[in-house]
Amino acid sequence: MKYIVTFLTSLFCIILSGQKKPNILPFSLENNSIYIHCKVNETDSIKFLFDTGADGSVINSNSKKKIPLQIDGKSENKGSNGVNIVDYSSHNTIQFGDIQRKEIQFTLIPYESAHFDGVFGTDLMKGKIIEINYHKNEIRLYDENDQTIDFTGYEKMKLHMIDNYPAVESSMIINNKEYSGFFGLDSGADDALTVASPFAKNNALVNNMKTIGKATARGSDGSVYEMPVVLCPAVKFAQKYLYNLPITLSGSTEGIDSTEKMAGFFGNQFLKRFNTVIDFKNGFIYFKLNKNLYSEFN
């Protein structure tokens, strides 16, 4: 019996020692947005916006002088408020942490006064389980079959990919009425929540909440537009309730904000209040409240 126990213990140690550690990317949180640094082709320290709301990755065309790129052609870019035609570059290499990806296509978009060099989209996140930890300001990238992730305290939710956009079921509670739907998860947006124009119009939301201001937004398509800011009494998200959120109501007739498939989009001013684990392969996402819960909404 003694030998059997010793064997099992040794086997357990072998399994644990063979478990690959996650890649860890430190990030900075600036104006509610997550930024990481990557190496593109042979140029290091390229600053990327970490954006779960982008299904493709981008190089800011204002930064292309420091990154060697070969322009291959043009493609359609669907922004929040419209569509435009932009250049793209194929056959690129990007390295983040110990991970290197080749044959990457970057869309080139002019971000005007933006202080970042590119956008890190979900095309680069897929193939890994992604943990966003705001206590340590780290993004951890695990193998898809990793069994060591600690989900203690997390709320598990179904991850829906709607037109390749990650979304969850959630709801707004206004005057004791619940308005439910699919809400996109957009870590690249610095607001709390933007309600899609069809959902806002169909539910007459501008008449049901107090208007507290106006917001000016710039989409990746280059359009600049104003939206009313209203005070939402409560949002139910991951079995938690958050109260008195300033949210924007889109009036877009083009672009992502005009979709009828989703009710709206949570930006990172909201999402930063939850540590998050994204499992694209199995279609689940996990949320746990963190130290940012009581930070003010702007």
Protein backbone atom coordinates (compact mmCIF):
# COMPACT_ATOMS: atom_id res chain seq x y z
CA MET A 1 0.00 0.00 0.00
CA LYS A 2 2.84 2.34 0.78
CA TYR A 3 4.31 1.88 -2.69
CA ILE A 4 0.97 2.63 -4.40
CA VAL A 5 0.60 5.94 -2.55
CA THR A 6 4.16 6.90 -3.41
CA PHE A 7 3.56 6.10 -7.08
CA LEU A 8 0.34 8.14 -7.27
CA THR A 9 1.99 11.11 -5.56
CA SER A 10 4.90 10.99 -7.97
CA LEU A 11 2.57 10.76 -10.94
CA PHE A 12 0.59 13.77 -9.67
CA CYS A 13 3.82 15.78 -9.37
CA ILE A 14 4.80 14.84 -12.92
CA ILE A 15 1.43 16.01 -14.26
CA LEU A 16 1.68 19.33 -12.40
CA SER A 17 5.25 19.95 -13.49
CA GLY A 18 4.27 19.29 -17.09
CA GLN A 19 1.51 21.91 -17.00
CA LYS A 20 2.52 24.86 -19.15
CA LYS A 21 2.48 28.22 -17.40
CA PRO A 22 0.40 31.02 -18.92
CA ASN A 23 1.97 33.83 -20.90
CA ILE A 24 1.67 37.04 -18.89
CA LEU A 25 1.30 40.44 -20.53
CA PRO A 26 1.48 43.47 -18.21
CA PHE A 27 -0.94 46.22 -19.16
CA SER A 28 -1.60 49.83 -18.33
CA LEU A 29 -5.11 51.16 -17.71
CA GLU A 30 -5.38 54.64 -19.21
CA ASN A 31 -8.70 56.51 -19.36
CA ASN A 32 -10.50 53.18 -18.85
CA SER A 33 -8.68 51.50 -21.76
CA ILE A 34 -6.21 48.59 -21.67
CA TYR A 35 -2.84 48.97 -23.41
CA ILE A 36 -0.16 46.35 -24.03
CA HIS A 37 3.15 46.41 -25.91
CA CYS A 38 4.00 44.01 -28.74
CA LYS A 39 6.68 43.48 -31.34
CA VAL A 40 5.54 43.87 -34.97
CA ASN A 41 7.83 42.53 -37.67
CA GLU A 42 11.19 43.71 -36.28
CA THR A 43 9.93 46.75 -34.38
CA ASP A 44 9.57 46.39 -30.63
CA SER A 45 7.47 48.32 -28.05
CA ILE A 46 4.48 48.93 -30.32
CA LYS A 47 1.58 50.14 -28.16
CA PHE A 48 -1.72 48.33 -28.76
CA LEU A 49 -5.23 48.98 -27.50
CA PHE A 50 -6.57 45.63 -26.23
CA ASP A 51 -10.00 45.51 -27.89
CA THR A 52 -12.54 42.69 -27.49
CA GLY A 53 -14.87 44.69 -29.74
CA ALA A 54 -12.57 44.37 -32.79
CA ASP A 55 -12.61 41.12 -34.76
CA GLY A 56 -9.51 42.17 -36.70
CA SER A 57 -6.29 43.87 -35.68
CA VAL A 58 -5.24 47.35 -36.76
CA ILE A 59 -2.19 49.51 -37.20
CA ASN A 60 -2.74 53.23 -36.72
CA SER A 61 -1.75 54.63 -40.10
CA ASN A 62 -0.15 57.56 -38.28
CA SER A 63 2.34 55.04 -36.81
CA LYS A 64 3.25 53.22 -40.02
CA LYS A 65 6.52 55.14 -40.38
CA LYS A 66 8.04 53.21 -37.47
CA ILE A 67 6.66 49.81 -38.51
CA PRO A 68 7.80 48.22 -41.82
CA LEU A 69 4.58 47.25 -43.61
CA GLN A 70 3.74 46.16 -47.14
CA ILE A 71 0.36 47.50 -48.30
CA ASP A 72 -1.47 44.70 -50.16
CA GLY A 73 -4.87 46.16 -50.95
CA LYS A 74 -8.05 47.68 -49.59
CA SER A 75 -10.90 46.37 -47.46
CA GLU A 76 -14.16 47.54 -45.90
CA ASN A 77 -14.03 48.75 -42.30
CA LYS A 78 -17.30 48.77 -40.35
CA GLY A 79 -17.10 51.36 -37.60
CA SER A 80 -19.60 52.21 -34.90
CA ASN A 81 -21.40 54.80 -37.03
CA GLY A 82 -20.56 53.94 -40.63
CA VAL A 83 -18.44 52.10 -43.18
CA ASN A 84 -15.31 53.21 -45.03
CA ILE A 85 -12.62 51.74 -47.28
CA VAL A 86 -9.13 51.39 -45.81
CA ASP A 87 -5.74 49.87 -46.72
CA TYR A 88 -4.56 46.58 -45.31
CA SER A 89 -1.21 44.84 -44.95
CA SER A 90 -0.76 41.05 -44.94
CA HIS A 91 2.10 38.65 -44.10
CA ASN A 92 3.08 40.38 -40.84
CA THR A 93 4.56 38.87 -37.69
CA ILE A 94 3.52 39.91 -34.20
CA GLN A 95 4.98 38.79 -30.89
CA PHE A 96 3.30 39.30 -27.50
CA GLY A 97 4.94 37.71 -24.49
CA ASP A 98 6.41 34.40 -25.65
CA ILE A 99 3.77 33.98 -28.34
CA GLN A 100 4.57 34.69 -31.97
CA ARG A 101 1.93 34.77 -34.71
CA LYS A 102 2.76 34.92 -38.40
CA GLU A 103 0.83 35.79 -41.55
CA ILE A 104 -1.18 38.42 -39.67
CA GLN A 105 -3.26 40.94 -41.59
CA PHE A 106 -3.48 44.46 -40.22
CA THR A 107 -6.04 47.01 -41.33
CA LEU A 108 -4.66 50.56 -41.47
CA ILE A 109 -6.91 53.15 -39.87
CA PRO A 110 -6.04 56.79 -39.09
CA TYR A 111 -6.84 57.41 -35.42
CA GLU A 112 -6.03 61.11 -35.58
CA SER A 113 -4.79 62.20 -32.13
CA ALA A 114 -4.82 58.69 -30.61
CA HIS A 115 -1.72 57.90 -28.55
CA PHE A 116 -1.50 54.23 -29.53
CA ASP A 117 0.02 52.44 -32.51
CA GLY A 118 -2.53 49.73 -33.12
CA VAL A 119 -5.53 47.67 -32.03
CA PHE A 120 -5.15 44.12 -30.71
CA GLY A 121 -8.35 42.37 -31.79
CA THR A 122 -10.01 39.03 -31.08
CA ASP A 123 -8.29 37.46 -34.12
CA LEU A 124 -5.13 37.47 -31.96
CA MET A 125 -6.91 36.41 -28.75
CA LYS A 126 -8.56 33.27 -30.13
CA GLY A 127 -6.67 30.04 -29.63
CA LYS A 128 -6.05 30.96 -25.98
CA ILE A 129 -8.09 31.36 -22.80
CA ILE A 130 -7.76 35.03 -21.87
CA GLU A 131 -7.72 36.25 -18.27
CA ILE A 132 -7.88 40.01 -17.62
CA ASN A 133 -6.77 40.68 -14.04
CA TYR A 134 -7.18 44.28 -12.88
CA HIS A 135 -5.71 43.63 -9.43
CA LYS A 136 -2.33 42.83 -10.97
CA ASN A 137 -2.77 44.71 -14.28
CA GLU A 138 -2.00 41.52 -16.16
CA ILE A 139 -3.44 39.68 -19.13
CA ARG A 140 -2.76 35.96 -18.84
CA LEU A 141 -2.98 33.75 -21.90
CA TYR A 142 -3.58 30.07 -21.10
CA ASP A 143 -3.63 27.07 -23.39
CA GLU A 144 -7.20 26.20 -24.39
CA ASN A 145 -7.14 22.93 -22.42
CA ASP A 146 -5.51 24.34 -19.28
CA GLN A 147 -7.10 22.89 -16.13
CA THR A 148 -5.26 25.06 -13.59
CA ILE A 149 -7.31 28.26 -13.88
CA ASP A 150 -8.86 29.26 -10.56
CA PHE A 151 -12.52 30.16 -11.10
CA THR A 152 -13.28 30.74 -7.41
CA GLY A 153 -15.73 33.63 -7.05
CA TYR A 154 -16.42 33.90 -10.77
CA GLU A 155 -19.88 33.93 -12.36
CA LYS A 156 -20.00 31.70 -15.45
CA MET A 157 -21.97 32.98 -18.45
CA LYS A 158 -22.62 31.78 -21.97
CA LEU A 159 -20.48 33.64 -24.50
CA HIS A 160 -22.39 34.44 -27.68
CA MET A 161 -20.54 35.39 -30.87
CA ILE A 162 -22.92 37.62 -32.83
CA ASP A 163 -21.46 38.49 -36.22
CA ASN A 164 -18.10 37.56 -34.63
CA TYR A 165 -18.72 40.03 -31.78
CA PRO A 166 -18.52 38.65 -28.20
CA ALA A 167 -21.75 39.25 -26.30
CA VAL A 168 -23.66 38.15 -23.20
CA GLU A 169 -27.28 38.34 -22.11
CA SER A 170 -27.91 41.25 -19.79
CA SER A 171 -30.62 43.77 -18.98
CA MET A 172 -31.39 47.34 -17.97
CA ILE A 173 -33.98 48.00 -15.28
CA ILE A 174 -35.91 51.23 -15.81
CA ASN A 175 -39.05 52.23 -13.90
CA ASN A 176 -39.39 48.66 -12.58
CA LYS A 177 -39.35 47.24 -16.12
CA GLU A 178 -36.58 44.97 -17.37
CA TYR A 179 -35.20 45.53 -20.89
CA SER A 180 -33.19 42.44 -21.85
CA GLY A 181 -31.06 41.48 -24.81
CA PHE A 182 -27.60 40.60 -26.03
CA PHE A 183 -24.95 43.16 -25.16
CA GLY A 184 -21.56 43.28 -26.86
CA LEU A 185 -18.34 43.41 -24.81
CA ASP A 186 -16.13 46.21 -26.08
CA SER A 187 -12.96 46.71 -24.04
CA GLY A 188 -11.78 49.14 -26.72
CA ALA A 189 -14.53 51.65 -25.88
CA ASP A 190 -13.89 53.98 -22.94
CA ASP A 191 -17.56 54.56 -22.04
CA ALA A 192 -19.87 52.53 -19.79
CA LEU A 193 -22.64 51.46 -22.15
CA THR A 194 -23.92 52.50 -25.57
CA VAL A 195 -27.41 51.33 -26.48
CA ALA A 196 -27.87 50.41 -30.16
CA SER A 197 -30.15 52.77 -32.03
CA PRO A 198 -32.94 50.24 -32.91
CA PHE A 199 -33.17 49.02 -29.29
CA ALA A 200 -33.22 52.60 -27.96
CA LYS A 201 -35.87 53.65 -30.47
CA ASN A 202 -38.10 50.57 -30.15
CA ASN A 203 -38.21 50.95 -26.37
CA ALA A 204 -38.45 54.78 -26.35
CA LEU A 205 -35.57 54.87 -23.89
CA VAL A 206 -34.84 58.56 -24.34
CA ASN A 207 -38.28 59.28 -22.82
CA ASN A 208 -37.90 56.81 -19.95
CA MET A 209 -34.64 58.06 -18.46
CA LYS A 210 -33.32 61.43 -17.37
CA THR A 211 -31.06 63.15 -19.91
CA ILE A 212 -27.92 64.42 -18.17
CA GLY A 213 -25.77 65.54 -21.09
CA LYS A 214 -24.36 64.82 -24.53
CA ALA A 215 -21.37 62.78 -25.66
CA THR A 216 -19.24 63.19 -28.78
CA ALA A 217 -17.82 59.99 -30.23
CA ARG A 218 -15.43 59.22 -33.09
CA GLY A 219 -15.81 55.89 -34.87
CA SER A 220 -13.02 53.95 -36.56
CA ASP A 221 -14.71 54.87 -39.86
CA GLY A 222 -13.78 58.50 -39.14
CA SER A 223 -17.29 59.75 -38.39
CA VAL A 224 -17.89 62.12 -35.48
CA TYR A 225 -21.33 62.13 -33.91
CA GLU A 226 -23.23 63.24 -30.82
CA MET A 227 -25.38 61.06 -28.57
CA PRO A 228 -27.59 61.91 -25.59
CA VAL A 229 -26.31 60.73 -22.22
CA VAL A 230 -29.04 59.43 -19.90
CA LEU A 231 -28.98 58.07 -16.36
CA CYS A 232 -29.84 54.37 -16.24
CA PRO A 233 -31.23 53.37 -12.81
CA ALA A 234 -29.82 49.82 -12.84
CA VAL A 235 -28.08 47.22 -14.97
CA LYS A 236 -28.18 43.49 -14.26
CA PHE A 237 -24.93 41.86 -15.35
CA ALA A 238 -23.41 38.49 -14.34
CA GLN A 239 -26.02 38.13 -11.57
CA LYS A 240 -24.94 41.48 -10.09
CA TYR A 241 -26.71 44.85 -10.06
CA LEU A 242 -24.94 48.13 -10.77
CA TYR A 243 -26.81 51.38 -10.19
CA ASN A 244 -27.04 54.88 -11.68
CA LEU A 245 -24.97 54.44 -14.84
CA PRO A 246 -24.52 57.28 -17.34
CA ILE A 247 -25.17 55.59 -20.70
CA THR A 248 -25.38 56.84 -24.27
CA LEU A 249 -28.22 56.24 -26.71
CA SER A 250 -27.07 55.81 -30.28
CA GLY A 251 -28.99 57.32 -33.17
CA SER A 252 -26.82 55.68 -35.84
CA THR A 253 -28.35 54.53 -39.11
CA GLU A 254 -25.13 52.82 -40.28
CA GLY A 255 -22.33 50.87 -38.68
CA ILE A 256 -22.24 48.58 -35.67
CA ASP A 257 -24.34 50.85 -33.43
CA SER A 258 -27.27 50.44 -35.83
CA THR A 259 -27.45 46.66 -35.43
CA GLU A 260 -30.76 44.99 -34.62
CA LYS A 261 -29.00 41.86 -33.34
CA MET A 262 -27.73 43.41 -30.10
CA ALA A 263 -29.24 45.75 -27.54
CA GLY A 264 -26.01 47.63 -26.94
CA PHE A 265 -22.33 47.51 -26.07
CA PHE A 266 -20.60 47.60 -22.69
CA GLY A 267 -17.43 49.69 -22.79
CA ASN A 268 -14.43 49.32 -20.53
CA GLN A 269 -15.58 51.99 -18.08
CA PHE A 270 -18.10 49.29 -17.11
CA LEU A 271 -16.09 46.11 -17.86
CA LYS A 272 -13.04 47.20 -15.83
CA ARG A 273 -15.09 46.51 -12.67
CA PHE A 274 -14.85 42.77 -13.35
CA ASN A 275 -11.87 40.48 -13.62
CA THR A 276 -12.68 38.41 -16.69
CA VAL A 277 -11.80 35.03 -18.18
CA ILE A 278 -12.75 34.46 -21.83
CA ASP A 279 -12.96 30.91 -23.19
CA PHE A 280 -13.65 31.33 -26.91
CA LYS A 281 -13.28 27.61 -27.69
CA ASN A 282 -15.95 26.38 -25.29
CA GLY A 283 -18.14 29.48 -25.52
CA PHE A 284 -18.04 30.66 -21.91
CA ILE A 285 -16.99 33.84 -20.14
CA TYR A 286 -16.43 34.38 -16.41
CA PHE A 287 -16.78 37.58 -14.37
CA LYS A 288 -15.72 38.50 -10.82
CA LEU A 289 -16.09 41.94 -9.20
CA ASN A 290 -12.79 43.66 -8.43
CA LYS A 291 -11.29 46.75 -6.77
CA ASN A 292 -12.72 49.05 -9.47
CA LEU A 293 -16.33 48.40 -8.46
CA TYR A 294 -16.78 51.72 -6.65
CA SER A 295 -14.78 53.90 -9.02
CA GLU A 296 -16.86 56.75 -10.36
CA PHE A 297 -18.62 56.65 -13.72
CA ASN A 298 -17.65 59.63 -15.84
